[in-house]
Protein backbone atom coordinates (compact mmCIF):
# COMPACT_ATOMS: atom_id res chain seq x y z
CA UNK A 1 0.00 0.00 0.00
CA UNK A 2 1.32 3.40 -1.00
CA UNK A 3 1.42 6.04 1.78
CA UNK A 4 -0.82 9.05 1.27
CA UNK A 5 1.03 12.01 -0.20
CA UNK A 6 -1.30 14.66 1.22
CA UNK A 7 -3.98 14.92 3.86
CA UNK A 8 -6.95 17.29 4.01
CA UNK A 9 -9.59 17.57 6.72
CA UNK A 10 -12.69 19.73 6.37
CA UNK A 11 -15.03 21.04 9.05
CA UNK A 12 -18.33 22.64 8.00
CA UNK A 13 -20.59 24.82 10.17
CA UNK A 14 -24.21 23.75 10.49
CA UNK A 15 -26.03 25.07 7.42
CA UNK A 16 -22.81 25.36 5.39
CA UNK A 17 -22.23 29.08 6.10
CA UNK A 18 -18.56 28.49 6.94
CA UNK A 19 -15.95 25.83 6.36
CA UNK A 20 -12.37 25.33 7.46
CA UNK A 21 -10.04 23.05 5.50
CA UNK A 22 -6.73 21.84 6.96
CA UNK A 23 -4.07 20.66 4.48
CA UNK A 24 -0.97 18.69 5.44
CA UNK A 25 1.81 17.56 3.10
CA UNK A 26 4.25 15.16 4.85
CA UNK A 27 6.99 15.50 2.22
CA UNK A 28 7.49 17.70 -0.85
CA UNK A 29 6.47 16.31 -4.23
CA UNK A 30 8.94 17.85 -6.64
CA UNK A 31 7.69 18.23 -10.20
CA UNK A 32 4.19 16.95 -9.34
CA UNK A 33 1.15 19.08 -8.76
CA UNK A 34 -1.31 17.93 -6.11
CA UNK A 35 -4.91 17.37 -7.13
CA UNK A 36 -7.65 19.67 -5.85
CA UNK A 37 -9.60 18.51 -2.79
CA UNK A 38 -13.36 18.24 -3.40
CA UNK A 39 -15.22 19.81 -0.51
CA UNK A 40 -18.50 18.67 1.03
CA UNK A 41 -21.42 20.23 2.86
CA UNK A 42 -21.39 23.57 1.02
CA UNK A 43 -24.29 25.15 -0.85
CA UNK A 44 -23.67 24.65 -4.59
CA UNK A 45 -25.69 27.80 -5.41
CA UNK A 46 -23.70 30.02 -3.01
CA UNK A 47 -20.36 31.76 -3.36
CA UNK A 48 -17.61 31.44 -0.74
CA UNK A 49 -14.85 33.92 0.11
CA UNK A 50 -11.46 32.80 1.42
CA UNK A 51 -10.86 34.89 4.55
CA UNK A 52 -7.08 35.12 4.03
CA UNK A 53 -7.09 35.92 0.30
CA UNK A 54 -10.49 37.47 -0.35
CA UNK A 55 -10.86 35.20 -3.39
CA UNK A 56 -14.48 34.26 -4.12
CA UNK A 57 -15.37 30.85 -5.56
CA UNK A 58 -18.69 29.22 -6.42
CA UNK A 59 -19.90 26.41 -4.18
CA UNK A 60 -20.60 24.18 -7.18
CA UNK A 61 -16.94 24.48 -8.26
CA UNK A 62 -15.66 23.71 -4.75
CA UNK A 63 -17.93 20.65 -4.58
CA UNK A 64 -17.33 19.36 -8.10
CA UNK A 65 -13.80 20.40 -9.06
CA UNK A 66 -12.36 21.05 -5.62
CA UNK A 67 -10.08 23.49 -3.84
CA UNK A 68 -6.44 23.69 -4.87
CA UNK A 69 -4.12 24.93 -2.14
CA UNK A 70 -0.59 26.20 -2.67
CA UNK A 71 1.55 24.59 0.01
CA UNK A 72 4.64 26.05 1.67
CA UNK A 73 7.92 24.33 0.85
CA UNK A 74 9.59 21.80 3.13
CA UNK A 75 8.67 18.66 5.00
CA UNK A 76 5.46 18.55 7.01
CA UNK A 77 4.03 21.64 5.29
CA UNK A 78 0.54 22.69 6.30
CA UNK A 79 -2.06 25.29 5.43
CA UNK A 80 -5.52 26.32 6.64
CA UNK A 81 -8.29 27.79 4.48
CA UNK A 82 -11.31 29.47 6.09
CA UNK A 83 -14.25 29.89 3.69
CA UNK A 84 -17.29 32.07 4.47
CA UNK A 85 -20.51 32.12 2.44
CA UNK A 86 -21.06 35.48 0.69
CA UNK A 87 -24.53 36.99 0.52
CA UNK A 88 -25.38 39.66 -2.06
CA UNK A 89 -26.65 42.88 -0.51
CA UNK A 90 -30.16 43.85 -1.63
CA UNK A 91 -30.17 46.54 -4.32
CA UNK A 92 -26.56 46.09 -5.42
CA UNK A 93 -25.42 44.90 -8.82
CA UNK A 94 -24.17 41.30 -8.92
CA UNK A 95 -20.54 42.50 -9.06
CA UNK A 96 -21.06 45.15 -6.40
CA UNK A 97 -20.22 45.05 -2.68
CA UNK A 98 -21.17 41.89 -0.81
CA UNK A 99 -22.02 41.25 2.80
CA UNK A 100 -20.39 38.41 4.71
CA UNK A 101 -22.42 36.25 7.08
CA UNK A 102 -20.64 35.93 10.40
PDB file of N, CA and C in Angstrom:
ATOM      1  N   UNK A   1       0.835  -1.172   0.000  1.00  0.00           N
ATOM      2  CA  UNK A   1       0.000   0.000   0.000  1.00  0.00           C
ATOM      3  C   UNK A   1       0.886   1.244   0.000  1.00  0.00           C
ATOM      4  N   UNK A   2       0.567   2.160  -0.870  1.00  0.00           N
ATOM      5  CA  UNK A   2       1.316   3.398  -0.997  1.00  0.00           C
ATOM      6  C   UNK A   2       0.889   4.381   0.093  1.00  0.00           C
ATOM      7  N   UNK A   3       1.824   5.056   0.778  1.00  0.00           N
ATOM      8  CA  UNK A   3       1.425   6.039   1.781  1.00  0.00           C
ATOM      9  C   UNK A   3       0.756   7.237   1.109  1.00  0.00           C
ATOM     10  N   UNK A   4      -0.145   7.871   1.813  1.00  0.00           N
ATOM     11  CA  UNK A   4      -0.817   9.052   1.274  1.00  0.00           C
ATOM     12  C   UNK A   4       0.172  10.188   1.149  1.00  0.00           C
ATOM     13  N   UNK A   5       0.089  10.921   0.040  1.00  0.00           N
ATOM     14  CA  UNK A   5       1.025  12.008  -0.197  1.00  0.00           C
ATOM     15  C   UNK A   5       0.536  13.319   0.392  1.00  0.00           C
ATOM     16  N   UNK A   6      -0.758  13.424   0.661  1.00  0.00           N
ATOM     17  CA  UNK A   6      -1.303  14.656   1.216  1.00  0.00           C
ATOM     18  C   UNK A   6      -2.555  14.320   2.003  1.00  0.00           C
ATOM     19  N   UNK A   7      -2.792  15.095   3.042  1.00  0.00           N
ATOM     20  CA  UNK A   7      -3.981  14.923   3.859  1.00  0.00           C
ATOM     21  C   UNK A   7      -4.768  16.225   3.848  1.00  0.00           C
ATOM     22  N   UNK A   8      -6.087  16.116   3.881  1.00  0.00           N
ATOM     23  CA  UNK A   8      -6.952  17.286   4.009  1.00  0.00           C
ATOM     24  C   UNK A   8      -8.136  16.908   4.880  1.00  0.00           C
ATOM     25  N   UNK A   9      -8.457  17.772   5.830  1.00  0.00           N
ATOM     26  CA  UNK A   9      -9.587  17.571   6.721  1.00  0.00           C
ATOM     27  C   UNK A   9     -10.466  18.805   6.629  1.00  0.00           C
ATOM     28  N   UNK A  10     -11.765  18.613   6.503  1.00  0.00           N
ATOM     29  CA  UNK A  10     -12.686  19.729   6.375  1.00  0.00           C
ATOM     30  C   UNK A  10     -13.699  19.701   7.508  1.00  0.00           C
ATOM     31  N   UNK A  11     -13.971  20.866   8.048  1.00  0.00           N
ATOM     32  CA  UNK A  11     -15.027  21.040   9.048  1.00  0.00           C
ATOM     33  C   UNK A  11     -16.001  22.059   8.477  1.00  0.00           C
ATOM     34  N   UNK A  12     -17.304  21.759   8.545  1.00  0.00           N
ATOM     35  CA  UNK A  12     -18.327  22.640   7.998  1.00  0.00           C
ATOM     36  C   UNK A  12     -19.291  23.034   9.113  1.00  0.00           C
ATOM     37  N   UNK A  13     -19.607  24.334   9.194  1.00  0.00           N
ATOM     38  CA  UNK A  13     -20.587  24.816  10.168  1.00  0.00           C
ATOM     39  C   UNK A  13     -21.970  24.305   9.779  1.00  0.00           C
ATOM     40  N   UNK A  14     -22.839  24.164  10.752  1.00  0.00           N
ATOM     41  CA  UNK A  14     -24.211  23.747  10.488  1.00  0.00           C
ATOM     42  C   UNK A  14     -24.821  24.732   9.497  1.00  0.00           C
ATOM     43  N   UNK A  15     -25.428  24.225   8.440  1.00  0.00           N
ATOM     44  CA  UNK A  15     -26.026  25.072   7.416  1.00  0.00           C
ATOM     45  C   UNK A  15     -25.068  25.447   6.303  1.00  0.00           C
ATOM     46  N   UNK A  16     -23.788  25.115   6.443  1.00  0.00           N
ATOM     47  CA  UNK A  16     -22.813  25.363   5.391  1.00  0.00           C
ATOM     48  C   UNK A  16     -22.388  26.804   5.215  1.00  0.00           C
ATOM     49  N   UNK A  17     -22.604  27.671   6.225  1.00  0.00           N
ATOM     50  CA  UNK A  17     -22.233  29.081   6.104  1.00  0.00           C
ATOM     51  C   UNK A  17     -20.719  29.287   6.168  1.00  0.00           C
ATOM     52  N   UNK A  18     -20.012  28.393   6.826  1.00  0.00           N
ATOM     53  CA  UNK A  18     -18.555  28.490   6.939  1.00  0.00           C
ATOM     54  C   UNK A  18     -17.948  27.104   6.847  1.00  0.00           C
ATOM     55  N   UNK A  19     -16.691  27.081   6.410  1.00  0.00           N
ATOM     56  CA  UNK A  19     -15.947  25.828   6.357  1.00  0.00           C
ATOM     57  C   UNK A  19     -14.469  26.124   6.571  1.00  0.00           C
ATOM     58  N   UNK A  20     -13.810  25.231   7.256  1.00  0.00           N
ATOM     59  CA  UNK A  20     -12.367  25.325   7.459  1.00  0.00           C
ATOM     60  C   UNK A  20     -11.752  24.045   6.908  1.00  0.00           C
ATOM     61  N   UNK A  21     -10.723  24.201   6.083  1.00  0.00           N
ATOM     62  CA  UNK A  21     -10.039  23.050   5.499  1.00  0.00           C
ATOM     63  C   UNK A  21      -8.580  23.086   5.948  1.00  0.00           C
ATOM     64  N   UNK A  22      -8.116  21.986   6.514  1.00  0.00           N
ATOM     65  CA  UNK A  22      -6.730  21.842   6.955  1.00  0.00           C
ATOM     66  C   UNK A  22      -6.006  20.959   5.947  1.00  0.00           C
ATOM     67  N   UNK A  23      -4.886  21.427   5.425  1.00  0.00           N
ATOM     68  CA  UNK A  23      -4.070  20.662   4.480  1.00  0.00           C
ATOM     69  C   UNK A  23      -2.749  20.318   5.155  1.00  0.00           C
ATOM     70  N   UNK A  24      -2.259  19.111   4.903  1.00  0.00           N
ATOM     71  CA  UNK A  24      -0.968  18.687   5.437  1.00  0.00           C
ATOM     72  C   UNK A  24      -0.251  17.874   4.380  1.00  0.00           C
ATOM     73  N   UNK A  25       0.983  18.246   4.099  1.00  0.00           N
ATOM     74  CA  UNK A  25       1.808  17.563   3.100  1.00  0.00           C
ATOM     75  C   UNK A  25       3.048  17.042   3.821  1.00  0.00           C
ATOM     76  N   UNK A  26       3.138  15.721   4.072  1.00  0.00           N
ATOM     77  CA  UNK A  26       4.249  15.164   4.854  1.00  0.00           C
ATOM     78  C   UNK A  26       5.617  15.407   4.229  1.00  0.00           C
ATOM     79  N   UNK A  27       5.711  15.314   2.902  1.00  0.00           N
ATOM     80  CA  UNK A  27       6.993  15.503   2.218  1.00  0.00           C
ATOM     81  C   UNK A  27       6.737  16.201   0.880  1.00  0.00           C
ATOM     82  N   UNK A  28       7.688  17.017   0.428  1.00  0.00           N
ATOM     83  CA  UNK A  28       7.489  17.703  -0.847  1.00  0.00           C
ATOM     84  C   UNK A  28       7.396  16.722  -2.011  1.00  0.00           C
ATOM     85  N   UNK A  29       6.628  17.132  -3.016  1.00  0.00           N
ATOM     86  CA  UNK A  29       6.474  16.309  -4.228  1.00  0.00           C
ATOM     87  C   UNK A  29       7.014  17.129  -5.386  1.00  0.00           C
ATOM     88  N   UNK A  30       8.285  17.044  -5.619  1.00  0.00           N
ATOM     89  CA  UNK A  30       8.945  17.850  -6.643  1.00  0.00           C
ATOM     90  C   UNK A  30       8.471  17.455  -8.028  1.00  0.00           C
ATOM     91  N   UNK A  31       8.093  18.466  -8.824  1.00  0.00           N
ATOM     92  CA  UNK A  31       7.688  18.226 -10.196  1.00  0.00           C
ATOM     93  C   UNK A  31       6.296  17.649 -10.350  1.00  0.00           C
ATOM     94  N   UNK A  32       5.553  17.496  -9.272  1.00  0.00           N
ATOM     95  CA  UNK A  32       4.193  16.952  -9.342  1.00  0.00           C
ATOM     96  C   UNK A  32       3.242  17.895  -8.642  1.00  0.00           C
ATOM     97  N   UNK A  33       2.173  18.212  -9.331  1.00  0.00           N
ATOM     98  CA  UNK A  33       1.152  19.080  -8.761  1.00  0.00           C
ATOM     99  C   UNK A  33       0.130  18.230  -8.022  1.00  0.00           C
ATOM    100  N   UNK A  34      -0.308  18.686  -6.860  1.00  0.00           N
ATOM    101  CA  UNK A  34      -1.308  17.927  -6.107  1.00  0.00           C
ATOM    102  C   UNK A  34      -2.695  18.218  -6.669  1.00  0.00           C
ATOM    103  N   UNK A  35      -3.546  17.233  -6.619  1.00  0.00           N
ATOM    104  CA  UNK A  35      -4.912  17.366  -7.134  1.00  0.00           C
ATOM    105  C   UNK A  35      -5.743  18.222  -6.184  1.00  0.00           C
ATOM    106  N   UNK A  36      -6.759  18.901  -6.719  1.00  0.00           N
ATOM    107  CA  UNK A  36      -7.652  19.669  -5.847  1.00  0.00           C
ATOM    108  C   UNK A  36      -8.427  18.743  -4.909  1.00  0.00           C
ATOM    109  N   UNK A  37      -8.821  19.262  -3.770  1.00  0.00           N
ATOM    110  CA  UNK A  37      -9.600  18.509  -2.789  1.00  0.00           C
ATOM    111  C   UNK A  37     -11.064  18.909  -2.955  1.00  0.00           C
ATOM    112  N   UNK A  38     -11.922  17.953  -3.276  1.00  0.00           N
ATOM    113  CA  UNK A  38     -13.355  18.239  -3.396  1.00  0.00           C
ATOM    114  C   UNK A  38     -13.953  18.403  -2.007  1.00  0.00           C
ATOM    115  N   UNK A  39     -14.632  19.519  -1.810  1.00  0.00           N
ATOM    116  CA  UNK A  39     -15.224  19.808  -0.507  1.00  0.00           C
ATOM    117  C   UNK A  39     -16.631  19.247  -0.430  1.00  0.00           C
ATOM    118  N   UNK A  40     -17.156  19.200   0.778  1.00  0.00           N
ATOM    119  CA  UNK A  40     -18.495  18.666   1.026  1.00  0.00           C
ATOM    120  C   UNK A  40     -19.263  19.623   1.924  1.00  0.00           C
ATOM    121  N   UNK A  41     -20.582  19.502   1.915  1.00  0.00           N
ATOM    122  CA  UNK A  41     -21.420  20.234   2.859  1.00  0.00           C
ATOM    123  C   UNK A  41     -21.663  21.692   2.535  1.00  0.00           C
ATOM    124  N   UNK A  42     -21.175  22.172   1.392  1.00  0.00           N
ATOM    125  CA  UNK A  42     -21.386  23.567   1.020  1.00  0.00           C
ATOM    126  C   UNK A  42     -22.620  23.678   0.139  1.00  0.00           C
ATOM    127  N   UNK A  43     -23.150  24.889   0.011  1.00  0.00           N
ATOM    128  CA  UNK A  43     -24.294  25.152  -0.846  1.00  0.00           C
ATOM    129  C   UNK A  43     -23.790  25.355  -2.269  1.00  0.00           C
ATOM    130  N   UNK A  44     -24.183  24.506  -3.228  1.00  0.00           N
ATOM    131  CA  UNK A  44     -23.672  24.650  -4.589  1.00  0.00           C
ATOM    132  C   UNK A  44     -24.108  25.941  -5.272  1.00  0.00           C
ATOM    133  N   UNK A  45     -25.201  26.553  -4.810  1.00  0.00           N
ATOM    134  CA  UNK A  45     -25.689  27.796  -5.413  1.00  0.00           C
ATOM    135  C   UNK A  45     -25.042  29.044  -4.797  1.00  0.00           C
ATOM    136  N   UNK A  46     -24.305  28.876  -3.714  1.00  0.00           N
ATOM    137  CA  UNK A  46     -23.697  30.018  -3.009  1.00  0.00           C
ATOM    138  C   UNK A  46     -22.281  30.281  -3.506  1.00  0.00           C
ATOM    139  N   UNK A  47     -21.768  31.432  -3.116  1.00  0.00           N
ATOM    140  CA  UNK A  47     -20.358  31.756  -3.356  1.00  0.00           C
ATOM    141  C   UNK A  47     -19.665  31.836  -2.005  1.00  0.00           C
ATOM    142  N   UNK A  48     -18.384  31.473  -1.979  1.00  0.00           N
ATOM    143  CA  UNK A  48     -17.609  31.444  -0.737  1.00  0.00           C
ATOM    144  C   UNK A  48     -16.341  32.267  -0.896  1.00  0.00           C
ATOM    145  N   UNK A  49     -16.045  33.067   0.115  1.00  0.00           N
ATOM    146  CA  UNK A  49     -14.855  33.916   0.107  1.00  0.00           C
ATOM    147  C   UNK A  49     -13.815  33.329   1.059  1.00  0.00           C
ATOM    148  N   UNK A  50     -12.573  33.211   0.572  1.00  0.00           N
ATOM    149  CA  UNK A  50     -11.458  32.804   1.423  1.00  0.00           C
ATOM    150  C   UNK A  50     -11.079  33.972   2.312  1.00  0.00           C
ATOM    151  N   UNK A  51     -11.119  33.796   3.609  1.00  0.00           N
ATOM    152  CA  UNK A  51     -10.856  34.888   4.545  1.00  0.00           C
ATOM    153  C   UNK A  51      -9.445  35.464   4.401  1.00  0.00           C
ATOM    154  N   UNK A  52      -8.460  34.642   4.120  1.00  0.00           N
ATOM    155  CA  UNK A  52      -7.078  35.123   4.028  1.00  0.00           C
ATOM    156  C   UNK A  52      -6.801  35.842   2.708  1.00  0.00           C
ATOM    157  N   UNK A  53      -7.408  35.375   1.618  1.00  0.00           N
ATOM    158  CA  UNK A  53      -7.087  35.917   0.297  1.00  0.00           C
ATOM    159  C   UNK A  53      -8.154  36.835  -0.263  1.00  0.00           C
ATOM    160  N   UNK A  54      -9.390  36.693   0.206  1.00  0.00           N
ATOM    161  CA  UNK A  54     -10.491  37.468  -0.346  1.00  0.00           C
ATOM    162  C   UNK A  54     -11.023  36.903  -1.652  1.00  0.00           C
ATOM    163  N   UNK A  55     -10.427  35.822  -2.131  1.00  0.00           N
ATOM    164  CA  UNK A  55     -10.856  35.198  -3.386  1.00  0.00           C
ATOM    165  C   UNK A  55     -12.231  34.564  -3.205  1.00  0.00           C
ATOM    166  N   UNK A  56     -13.128  34.805  -4.173  1.00  0.00           N
ATOM    167  CA  UNK A  56     -14.484  34.260  -4.119  1.00  0.00           C
ATOM    168  C   UNK A  56     -14.613  33.137  -5.135  1.00  0.00           C
ATOM    169  N   UNK A  57     -15.174  32.010  -4.680  1.00  0.00           N
ATOM    170  CA  UNK A  57     -15.366  30.850  -5.557  1.00  0.00           C
ATOM    171  C   UNK A  57     -16.800  30.352  -5.399  1.00  0.00           C
ATOM    172  N   UNK A  58     -17.333  29.769  -6.453  1.00  0.00           N
ATOM    173  CA  UNK A  58     -18.685  29.221  -6.419  1.00  0.00           C
ATOM    174  C   UNK A  58     -18.695  27.883  -5.692  1.00  0.00           C
ATOM    175  N   UNK A  59     -19.754  27.658  -4.906  1.00  0.00           N
ATOM    176  CA  UNK A  59     -19.895  26.412  -4.177  1.00  0.00           C
ATOM    177  C   UNK A  59     -19.898  25.196  -5.083  1.00  0.00           C
ATOM    178  N   UNK A  60     -20.540  25.318  -6.251  1.00  0.00           N
ATOM    179  CA  UNK A  60     -20.596  24.181  -7.182  1.00  0.00           C
ATOM    180  C   UNK A  60     -19.196  23.790  -7.648  1.00  0.00           C
ATOM    181  N   UNK A  61     -18.323  24.766  -7.840  1.00  0.00           N
ATOM    182  CA  UNK A  61     -16.945  24.482  -8.260  1.00  0.00           C
ATOM    183  C   UNK A  61     -16.177  23.808  -7.122  1.00  0.00           C
ATOM    184  N   UNK A  62     -16.344  24.304  -5.901  1.00  0.00           N
ATOM    185  CA  UNK A  62     -15.662  23.708  -4.752  1.00  0.00           C
ATOM    186  C   UNK A  62     -16.115  22.273  -4.514  1.00  0.00           C
ATOM    187  N   UNK A  63     -17.402  22.005  -4.757  1.00  0.00           N
ATOM    188  CA  UNK A  63     -17.931  20.655  -4.576  1.00  0.00           C
ATOM    189  C   UNK A  63     -17.535  19.721  -5.715  1.00  0.00           C
ATOM    190  N   UNK A  64     -17.576  20.213  -6.946  1.00  0.00           N
ATOM    191  CA  UNK A  64     -17.328  19.357  -8.105  1.00  0.00           C
ATOM    192  C   UNK A  64     -15.869  19.248  -8.505  1.00  0.00           C
ATOM    193  N   UNK A  65     -15.208  20.383  -8.634  1.00  0.00           N
ATOM    194  CA  UNK A  65     -13.800  20.395  -9.061  1.00  0.00           C
ATOM    195  C   UNK A  65     -12.867  20.315  -7.864  1.00  0.00           C
ATOM    196  N   UNK A  66     -13.175  21.082  -6.828  1.00  0.00           N
ATOM    197  CA  UNK A  66     -12.362  21.052  -5.622  1.00  0.00           C
ATOM    198  C   UNK A  66     -11.601  22.337  -5.376  1.00  0.00           C
ATOM    199  N   UNK A  67     -10.881  22.353  -4.281  1.00  0.00           N
ATOM    200  CA  UNK A  67     -10.077  23.491  -3.836  1.00  0.00           C
ATOM    201  C   UNK A  67      -8.612  23.116  -3.971  1.00  0.00           C
ATOM    202  N   UNK A  68      -7.890  23.911  -4.712  1.00  0.00           N
ATOM    203  CA  UNK A  68      -6.444  23.688  -4.870  1.00  0.00           C
ATOM    204  C   UNK A  68      -5.734  24.639  -3.917  1.00  0.00           C
ATOM    205  N   UNK A  69      -4.835  24.114  -3.121  1.00  0.00           N
ATOM    206  CA  UNK A  69      -4.124  24.930  -2.140  1.00  0.00           C
ATOM    207  C   UNK A  69      -2.628  24.907  -2.412  1.00  0.00           C
ATOM    208  N   UNK A  70      -2.047  26.082  -2.539  1.00  0.00           N
ATOM    209  CA  UNK A  70      -0.594  26.200  -2.673  1.00  0.00           C
ATOM    210  C   UNK A  70       0.024  25.918  -1.305  1.00  0.00           C
ATOM    211  N   UNK A  71       0.950  24.982  -1.261  1.00  0.00           N
ATOM    212  CA  UNK A  71       1.548  24.589   0.009  1.00  0.00           C
ATOM    213  C   UNK A  71       2.917  25.226   0.175  1.00  0.00           C
ATOM    214  N   UNK A  72       3.283  25.563   1.420  1.00  0.00           N
ATOM    215  CA  UNK A  72       4.641  26.054   1.674  1.00  0.00           C
ATOM    216  C   UNK A  72       5.656  24.952   1.368  1.00  0.00           C
ATOM    217  N   UNK A  73       6.890  25.335   1.143  1.00  0.00           N
ATOM    218  CA  UNK A  73       7.923  24.329   0.855  1.00  0.00           C
ATOM    219  C   UNK A  73       8.393  23.671   2.146  1.00  0.00           C
ATOM    220  N   UNK A  74       9.007  22.512   1.988  1.00  0.00           N
ATOM    221  CA  UNK A  74       9.585  21.804   3.127  1.00  0.00           C
ATOM    222  C   UNK A  74       8.754  20.624   3.582  1.00  0.00           C
ATOM    223  N   UNK A  75       9.360  19.817   4.437  1.00  0.00           N
ATOM    224  CA  UNK A  75       8.670  18.661   5.003  1.00  0.00           C
ATOM    225  C   UNK A  75       7.593  19.115   5.978  1.00  0.00           C
ATOM    226  N   UNK A  76       6.569  18.307   6.081  1.00  0.00           N
ATOM    227  CA  UNK A  76       5.459  18.547   7.008  1.00  0.00           C
ATOM    228  C   UNK A  76       4.838  19.930   6.832  1.00  0.00           C
ATOM    229  N   UNK A  77       4.657  20.342   5.590  1.00  0.00           N
ATOM    230  CA  UNK A  77       4.035  21.638   5.291  1.00  0.00           C
ATOM    231  C   UNK A  77       2.542  21.558   5.579  1.00  0.00           C
ATOM    232  N   UNK A  78       1.970  22.672   6.020  1.00  0.00           N
ATOM    233  CA  UNK A  78       0.536  22.693   6.297  1.00  0.00           C
ATOM    234  C   UNK A  78      -0.048  24.051   5.932  1.00  0.00           C
ATOM    235  N   UNK A  79      -1.349  24.062   5.747  1.00  0.00           N
ATOM    236  CA  UNK A  79      -2.061  25.294   5.435  1.00  0.00           C
ATOM    237  C   UNK A  79      -3.498  25.151   5.920  1.00  0.00           C
ATOM    238  N   UNK A  80      -4.125  26.281   6.206  1.00  0.00           N
ATOM    239  CA  UNK A  80      -5.518  26.316   6.643  1.00  0.00           C
ATOM    240  C   UNK A  80      -6.262  27.303   5.757  1.00  0.00           C
ATOM    241  N   UNK A  81      -7.439  26.907   5.280  1.00  0.00           N
ATOM    242  CA  UNK A  81      -8.287  27.788   4.479  1.00  0.00           C
ATOM    243  C   UNK A  81      -9.626  27.924   5.193  1.00  0.00           C
ATOM    244  N   UNK A  82     -10.030  29.181   5.453  1.00  0.00           N
ATOM    245  CA  UNK A  82     -11.313  29.465   6.086  1.00  0.00           C
ATOM    246  C   UNK A  82     -12.214  30.087   5.023  1.00  0.00           C
ATOM    247  N   UNK A  83     -13.302  29.416   4.690  1.00  0.00           N
ATOM    248  CA  UNK A  83     -14.254  29.888   3.685  1.00  0.00           C
ATOM    249  C   UNK A  83     -15.531  30.360   4.370  1.00  0.00           C
ATOM    250  N   UNK A  84     -16.053  31.510   3.921  1.00  0.00           N
ATOM    251  CA  UNK A  84     -17.287  32.067   4.471  1.00  0.00           C
ATOM    252  C   UNK A  84     -18.250  32.336   3.325  1.00  0.00           C
ATOM    253  N   UNK A  85     -19.500  31.896   3.479  1.00  0.00           N
ATOM    254  CA  UNK A  85     -20.505  32.117   2.437  1.00  0.00           C
ATOM    255  C   UNK A  85     -20.757  33.612   2.275  1.00  0.00           C
ATOM    256  N   UNK A  86     -20.830  34.064   1.019  1.00  0.00           N
ATOM    257  CA  UNK A  86     -21.057  35.475   0.691  1.00  0.00           C
ATOM    258  C   UNK A  86     -22.520  35.646   0.306  1.00  0.00           C
ATOM    259  N   UNK A  87     -23.135  36.691   0.831  1.00  0.00           N
ATOM    260  CA  UNK A  87     -24.528  36.988   0.515  1.00  0.00           C
ATOM    261  C   UNK A  87     -24.571  38.334  -0.175  1.00  0.00           C
ATOM    262  N   UNK A  88     -25.244  38.392  -1.342  1.00  0.00           N
ATOM    263  CA  UNK A  88     -25.381  39.660  -2.064  1.00  0.00           C
ATOM    264  C   UNK A  88     -26.269  40.608  -1.264  1.00  0.00           C
ATOM    265  N   UNK A  89     -25.851  41.857  -1.166  1.00  0.00           N
ATOM    266  CA  UNK A  89     -26.651  42.879  -0.511  1.00  0.00           C
ATOM    267  C   UNK A  89     -27.820  43.250  -1.426  1.00  0.00           C
ATOM    268  N   UNK A  90     -28.971  43.499  -0.855  1.00  0.00           N
ATOM    269  CA  UNK A  90     -30.160  43.847  -1.630  1.00  0.00           C
ATOM    270  C   UNK A  90     -29.938  45.195  -2.300  1.00  0.00           C
ATOM    271  N   UNK A  91     -30.265  45.275  -3.601  1.00  0.00           N
ATOM    272  CA  UNK A  91     -30.173  46.537  -4.321  1.00  0.00           C
ATOM    273  C   UNK A  91     -28.833  46.782  -4.974  1.00  0.00           C
ATOM    274  N   UNK A  92     -27.865  45.910  -4.812  1.00  0.00           N
ATOM    275  CA  UNK A  92     -26.560  46.086  -5.424  1.00  0.00           C
ATOM    276  C   UNK A  92     -26.464  45.215  -6.668  1.00  0.00           C
ATOM    277  N   UNK A  93     -25.691  45.674  -7.612  1.00  0.00           N
ATOM    278  CA  UNK A  93     -25.422  44.901  -8.821  1.00  0.00           C
ATOM    279  C   UNK A  93     -24.678  43.635  -8.431  1.00  0.00           C
ATOM    280  N   UNK A  94     -24.785  42.588  -9.229  1.00  0.00           N
ATOM    281  CA  UNK A  94     -24.168  41.301  -8.917  1.00  0.00           C
ATOM    282  C   UNK A  94     -22.676  41.430  -8.635  1.00  0.00           C
ATOM    283  N   UNK A  95     -21.977  42.357  -9.282  1.00  0.00           N
ATOM    284  CA  UNK A  95     -20.538  42.500  -9.062  1.00  0.00           C
ATOM    285  C   UNK A  95     -20.220  43.563  -8.018  1.00  0.00           C
ATOM    286  N   UNK A  96     -21.249  44.102  -7.386  1.00  0.00           N
ATOM    287  CA  UNK A  96     -21.056  45.155  -6.395  1.00  0.00           C
ATOM    288  C   UNK A  96     -20.609  44.614  -5.053  1.00  0.00           C
ATOM    289  N   UNK A  97     -20.630  45.464  -4.029  1.00  0.00           N
ATOM    290  CA  UNK A  97     -20.221  45.049  -2.683  1.00  0.00           C
ATOM    291  C   UNK A  97     -21.065  43.896  -2.171  1.00  0.00           C
ATOM    292  N   UNK A  98     -20.465  43.045  -1.380  1.00  0.00           N
ATOM    293  CA  UNK A  98     -21.170  41.895  -0.814  1.00  0.00           C
ATOM    294  C   UNK A  98     -21.062  41.929   0.696  1.00  0.00           C
ATOM    295  N   UNK A  99     -22.033  41.370   1.351  1.00  0.00           N
ATOM    296  CA  UNK A  99     -22.021  41.249   2.803  1.00  0.00           C
ATOM    297  C   UNK A  99     -21.581  39.839   3.160  1.00  0.00           C
ATOM    298  N   UNK A 100     -20.855  39.715   4.256  1.00  0.00           N
ATOM    299  CA  UNK A 100     -20.386  38.405   4.710  1.00  0.00           C
ATOM    300  C   UNK A 100     -21.178  37.997   5.927  1.00  0.00           C
ATOM    301  N   UNK A 101     -21.710  36.785   5.910  1.00  0.00           N
ATOM    302  CA  UNK A 101     -22.423  36.254   7.080  1.00  0.00           C
ATOM    303  C   UNK A 101     -21.389  35.861   8.116  1.00  0.00           C
ATOM    304  N   UNK A 102     -21.565  36.288   9.311  1.00  0.00           N
ATOM    305  CA  UNK A 102     -20.644  35.928  10.405  1.00  0.00           C
ATOM    306  C   UNK A 102     -21.403  35.212  11.479  1.00  0.00           C
TER     307      UNK A 102
END
